[in-house]
Amino acid sequence: MDCQPVHDTLDGLINYVCKYAQDYLAVAGLRYRIDVPPQLPATPISPELRHNVFLAAKEAVTNIVRHARASSVWLRLKLEPGRFILELEDNGRGLAGMDDKTTRTDCATCANAWKTSAASSRSAPAPKAAPACG
């Protein structure tokens, strides 16, 4: 990812993540749906947060392709005041040997780590509501 300050925005990050996911999922032959608001704010984010969110999204896409045995993927962005939520969902088989409760707990732990990271990077609130596009 380019290290220019112009890319250190929520808009730049999400566009980069979506382009990466589209390219990787298309090559893998998986159907995908991307729900992102049509107008993303140019909210500044730290280079560290941008880098870490991209790496987490890249890892999630890679794991879906390699391990989930999924046929479709849904990437969606939710904007809330002061934060954003990037979700990847697939119709695959899940984690072997783990029940839903364990998976949710692990995801909650990861989400708490992201909240801590994001809290140190907040500079401008996200819009209160934005329509999804498909």
C-alpha atoms as a PDB file:
ATOM      1  CA  MET A   1       0.000   0.000   0.000  1.00  0.00           C
ATOM      2  CA  ASP A   2       1.259   3.438  -0.924  1.00  0.00           C
ATOM      3  CA  CYS A   3       2.666   5.414   2.009  1.00  0.00           C
ATOM      4  CA  GLN A   4       1.526   8.831   0.797  1.00  0.00           C
ATOM      5  CA  PRO A   5      -0.532  10.856   3.313  1.00  0.00           C
ATOM      6  CA  VAL A   6      -3.406  11.091   0.805  1.00  0.00           C
ATOM      7  CA  HIS A   7      -4.008   7.370   1.419  1.00  0.00           C
ATOM      8  CA  ASP A   8      -4.174   7.791   5.194  1.00  0.00           C
ATOM      9  CA  THR A   9      -7.931   8.288   5.136  1.00  0.00           C
ATOM     10  CA  LEU A  10     -10.843   5.979   5.710  1.00  0.00           C
ATOM     11  CA  ASP A  11     -11.829   6.432   2.061  1.00  0.00           C
ATOM     12  CA  GLY A  12      -8.346   5.445   0.836  1.00  0.00           C
ATOM     13  CA  LEU A  13      -8.182   2.425   3.136  1.00  0.00           C
ATOM     14  CA  ILE A  14     -11.606   1.040   2.258  1.00  0.00           C
ATOM     15  CA  ASN A  15     -11.083   1.508  -1.475  1.00  0.00           C
ATOM     16  CA  TYR A  16      -7.779  -0.356  -1.222  1.00  0.00           C
ATOM     17  CA  VAL A  17      -9.272  -3.200   0.848  1.00  0.00           C
ATOM     18  CA  CYS A  18     -12.218  -3.559  -1.554  1.00  0.00           C
ATOM     19  CA  LYS A  19      -9.955  -3.611  -4.624  1.00  0.00           C
ATOM     20  CA  TYR A  20      -7.716  -6.231  -3.002  1.00  0.00           C
ATOM     21  CA  ALA A  21     -10.699  -8.397  -1.996  1.00  0.00           C
ATOM     22  CA  GLN A  22     -12.318  -8.142  -5.438  1.00  0.00           C
ATOM     23  CA  ASP A  23      -9.122  -9.147  -7.227  1.00  0.00           C
ATOM     24  CA  TYR A  24      -8.259 -12.014  -4.867  1.00  0.00           C
ATOM     25  CA  LEU A  25     -11.795 -13.440  -4.690  1.00  0.00           C
ATOM     26  CA  ALA A  26     -12.299 -13.193  -8.460  1.00  0.00           C
ATOM     27  CA  VAL A  27      -9.081 -15.123  -9.146  1.00  0.00           C
ATOM     28  CA  ALA A  28     -10.189 -17.746  -6.600  1.00  0.00           C
ATOM     29  CA  GLY A  29     -13.564 -18.065  -8.346  1.00  0.00           C
ATOM     30  CA  LEU A  30     -15.663 -17.024  -5.344  1.00  0.00           C
ATOM     31  CA  ARG A  31     -18.766 -14.915  -5.660  1.00  0.00           C
ATOM     32  CA  TYR A  32     -18.655 -11.782  -3.570  1.00  0.00           C
ATOM     33  CA  ARG A  33     -20.824  -8.891  -2.499  1.00  0.00           C
ATOM     34  CA  ILE A  34     -19.411  -5.606  -1.273  1.00  0.00           C
ATOM     35  CA  ASP A  35     -21.634  -3.251   0.711  1.00  0.00           C
ATOM     36  CA  VAL A  36     -19.940   0.078   1.230  1.00  0.00           C
ATOM     37  CA  PRO A  37     -21.550   3.516   1.471  1.00  0.00           C
ATOM     38  CA  PRO A  38     -21.343   5.303  -1.902  1.00  0.00           C
ATOM     39  CA  GLN A  39     -19.654   8.323  -0.317  1.00  0.00           C
ATOM     40  CA  LEU A  40     -16.937   7.571   2.189  1.00  0.00           C
ATOM     41  CA  PRO A  41     -15.596  10.330   4.406  1.00  0.00           C
ATOM     42  CA  ALA A  42     -12.003  11.455   3.956  1.00  0.00           C
ATOM     43  CA  THR A  43     -11.569  10.971   7.701  1.00  0.00           C
ATOM     44  CA  PRO A  44      -7.853  10.903   8.517  1.00  0.00           C
ATOM     45  CA  ILE A  45      -6.523   7.713  10.073  1.00  0.00           C
ATOM     46  CA  SER A  46      -3.047   6.931  11.315  1.00  0.00           C
ATOM     47  CA  PRO A  47      -0.682   5.023   9.021  1.00  0.00           C
ATOM     48  CA  GLU A  48      -0.419   2.344  11.730  1.00  0.00           C
ATOM     49  CA  LEU A  49      -4.193   1.811  11.864  1.00  0.00           C
ATOM     50  CA  ARG A  50      -4.437   1.807   8.068  1.00  0.00           C
ATOM     51  CA  HIS A  51      -1.671  -0.795   7.846  1.00  0.00           C
ATOM     52  CA  ASN A  52      -3.095  -3.028  10.587  1.00  0.00           C
ATOM     53  CA  VAL A  53      -6.666  -2.965   9.254  1.00  0.00           C
ATOM     54  CA  PHE A  54      -5.442  -3.818   5.766  1.00  0.00           C
ATOM     55  CA  LEU A  55      -3.337  -6.724   7.058  1.00  0.00           C
ATOM     56  CA  ALA A  56      -6.282  -8.081   9.073  1.00  0.00           C
ATOM     57  CA  ALA A  57      -8.622  -7.819   6.069  1.00  0.00           C
ATOM     58  CA  LYS A  58      -6.026  -9.434   3.794  1.00  0.00           C
ATOM     59  CA  GLU A  59      -5.595 -12.312   6.254  1.00  0.00           C
ATOM     60  CA  ALA A  60      -9.358 -12.798   6.511  1.00  0.00           C
ATOM     61  CA  VAL A  61      -9.759 -12.929   2.718  1.00  0.00           C
ATOM     62  CA  THR A  62      -6.831 -15.324   2.389  1.00  0.00           C
ATOM     63  CA  ASN A  63      -8.196 -17.617   5.106  1.00  0.00           C
ATOM     64  CA  ILE A  64     -11.628 -17.685   3.481  1.00  0.00           C
ATOM     65  CA  VAL A  65     -10.132 -18.705   0.141  1.00  0.00           C
ATOM     66  CA  ARG A  66      -7.710 -21.267   1.558  1.00  0.00           C
ATOM     67  CA  HIS A  67      -9.634 -22.848   4.408  1.00  0.00           C
ATOM     68  CA  ALA A  68     -13.355 -22.054   4.527  1.00  0.00           C
ATOM     69  CA  ARG A  69     -14.488 -24.000   1.462  1.00  0.00           C
ATOM     70  CA  ALA A  70     -16.819 -21.066   0.833  1.00  0.00           C
ATOM     71  CA  SER A  71     -18.546 -20.260  -2.432  1.00  0.00           C
ATOM     72  CA  SER A  72     -19.448 -16.670  -1.567  1.00  0.00           C
ATOM     73  CA  VAL A  73     -18.157 -13.806   0.557  1.00  0.00           C
ATOM     74  CA  TRP A  74     -19.815 -10.658   1.858  1.00  0.00           C
ATOM     75  CA  LEU A  75     -17.673  -7.647   2.734  1.00  0.00           C
ATOM     76  CA  ARG A  76     -19.462  -4.760   4.400  1.00  0.00           C
ATOM     77  CA  LEU A  77     -18.533  -1.486   6.002  1.00  0.00           C
ATOM     78  CA  LYS A  78     -20.626   0.068   8.736  1.00  0.00           C
ATOM     79  CA  LEU A  79     -20.046   3.672   9.711  1.00  0.00           C
ATOM     80  CA  GLU A  80     -20.895   4.769  13.219  1.00  0.00           C
ATOM     81  CA  PRO A  81     -20.141   8.017  15.015  1.00  0.00           C
ATOM     82  CA  GLY A  82     -16.422   7.999  15.753  1.00  0.00           C
ATOM     83  CA  ARG A  83     -15.707   4.516  14.383  1.00  0.00           C
ATOM     84  CA  PHE A  84     -16.138   2.090  11.517  1.00  0.00           C
ATOM     85  CA  ILE A  85     -16.764  -1.642  11.386  1.00  0.00           C
ATOM     86  CA  LEU A  86     -15.374  -3.721   8.533  1.00  0.00           C
ATOM     87  CA  GLU A  87     -16.927  -7.192   8.353  1.00  0.00           C
ATOM     88  CA  LEU A  88     -16.170 -10.184   6.179  1.00  0.00           C
ATOM     89  CA  GLU A  89     -18.664 -13.036   6.151  1.00  0.00           C
ATOM     90  CA  ASP A  90     -18.611 -16.236   4.138  1.00  0.00           C
ATOM     91  CA  ASN A  91     -20.795 -19.304   3.704  1.00  0.00           C
ATOM     92  CA  GLY A  92     -17.947 -21.699   4.439  1.00  0.00           C
ATOM     93  CA  ARG A  93     -17.472 -24.388   7.037  1.00  0.00           C
ATOM     94  CA  GLY A  94     -16.045 -22.302   9.918  1.00  0.00           C
ATOM     95  CA  LEU A  95     -13.141 -23.153  12.167  1.00  0.00           C
ATOM     96  CA  ALA A  96     -12.524 -26.869  12.654  1.00  0.00           C
ATOM     97  CA  GLY A  97     -12.968 -28.049  16.223  1.00  0.00           C
ATOM     98  CA  MET A  98     -14.482 -24.802  17.461  1.00  0.00           C
ATOM     99  CA  ASP A  99     -18.095 -24.209  18.310  1.00  0.00           C
ATOM    100  CA  ASP A 100     -19.899 -20.923  17.604  1.00  0.00           C
ATOM    101  CA  LYS A 101     -19.525 -19.710  21.196  1.00  0.00           C
ATOM    102  CA  THR A 102     -15.726 -20.098  21.096  1.00  0.00           C
ATOM    103  CA  THR A 103     -15.499 -18.393  17.721  1.00  0.00           C
ATOM    104  CA  ARG A 104     -17.626 -15.470  18.914  1.00  0.00           C
ATOM    105  CA  THR A 105     -15.469 -15.102  22.021  1.00  0.00           C
ATOM    106  CA  ASP A 106     -12.275 -15.087  19.968  1.00  0.00           C
ATOM    107  CA  CYS A 107     -13.779 -12.521  17.608  1.00  0.00           C
ATOM    108  CA  ALA A 108     -14.892 -10.369  20.543  1.00  0.00           C
ATOM    109  CA  THR A 109     -11.347 -10.428  21.914  1.00  0.00           C
ATOM    110  CA  CYS A 110     -10.027  -9.376  18.518  1.00  0.00           C
ATOM    111  CA  ALA A 111     -12.685  -6.640  18.274  1.00  0.00           C
ATOM    112  CA  ASN A 112     -11.655  -5.267  21.666  1.00  0.00           C
ATOM    113  CA  ALA A 113      -8.049  -5.105  20.493  1.00  0.00           C
ATOM    114  CA  TRP A 114      -9.164  -3.197  17.395  1.00  0.00           C
ATOM    115  CA  LYS A 115     -11.218  -0.769  19.479  1.00  0.00           C
ATOM    116  CA  THR A 116      -8.150  -0.023  21.575  1.00  0.00           C
ATOM    117  CA  SER A 117      -6.069   0.550  18.449  1.00  0.00           C
ATOM    118  CA  ALA A 118      -8.750   2.635  16.771  1.00  0.00           C
ATOM    119  CA  ALA A 119      -9.327   4.763  19.868  1.00  0.00           C
ATOM    120  CA  SER A 120      -5.769   6.023  19.686  1.00  0.00           C
ATOM    121  CA  SER A 121      -6.258   6.979  16.010  1.00  0.00           C
ATOM    122  CA  ARG A 122      -9.580   8.802  16.091  1.00  0.00           C
ATOM    123  CA  SER A 123      -9.550  12.307  14.762  1.00  0.00           C
ATOM    124  CA  ALA A 124     -12.902  13.012  13.138  1.00  0.00           C
ATOM    125  CA  PRO A 125     -16.272  11.320  13.606  1.00  0.00           C
ATOM    126  CA  ALA A 126     -17.822   9.311  10.812  1.00  0.00           C
ATOM    127  CA  PRO A 127     -21.196  10.405   9.438  1.00  0.00           C
ATOM    128  CA  LYS A 128     -24.203   9.247  11.439  1.00  0.00           C
ATOM    129  CA  ALA A 129     -25.860   7.363   8.601  1.00  0.00           C
ATOM    130  CA  ALA A 130     -24.941   6.300   5.107  1.00  0.00           C
ATOM    131  CA  PRO A 131     -26.857   4.166   2.603  1.00  0.00           C
ATOM    132  CA  ALA A 132     -25.358   0.854   1.522  1.00  0.00           C
ATOM    133  CA  CYS A 133     -24.590   0.188  -2.099  1.00  0.00           C
ATOM    134  CA  GLY A 134     -24.268  -3.162  -3.775  1.00  0.00           C
END
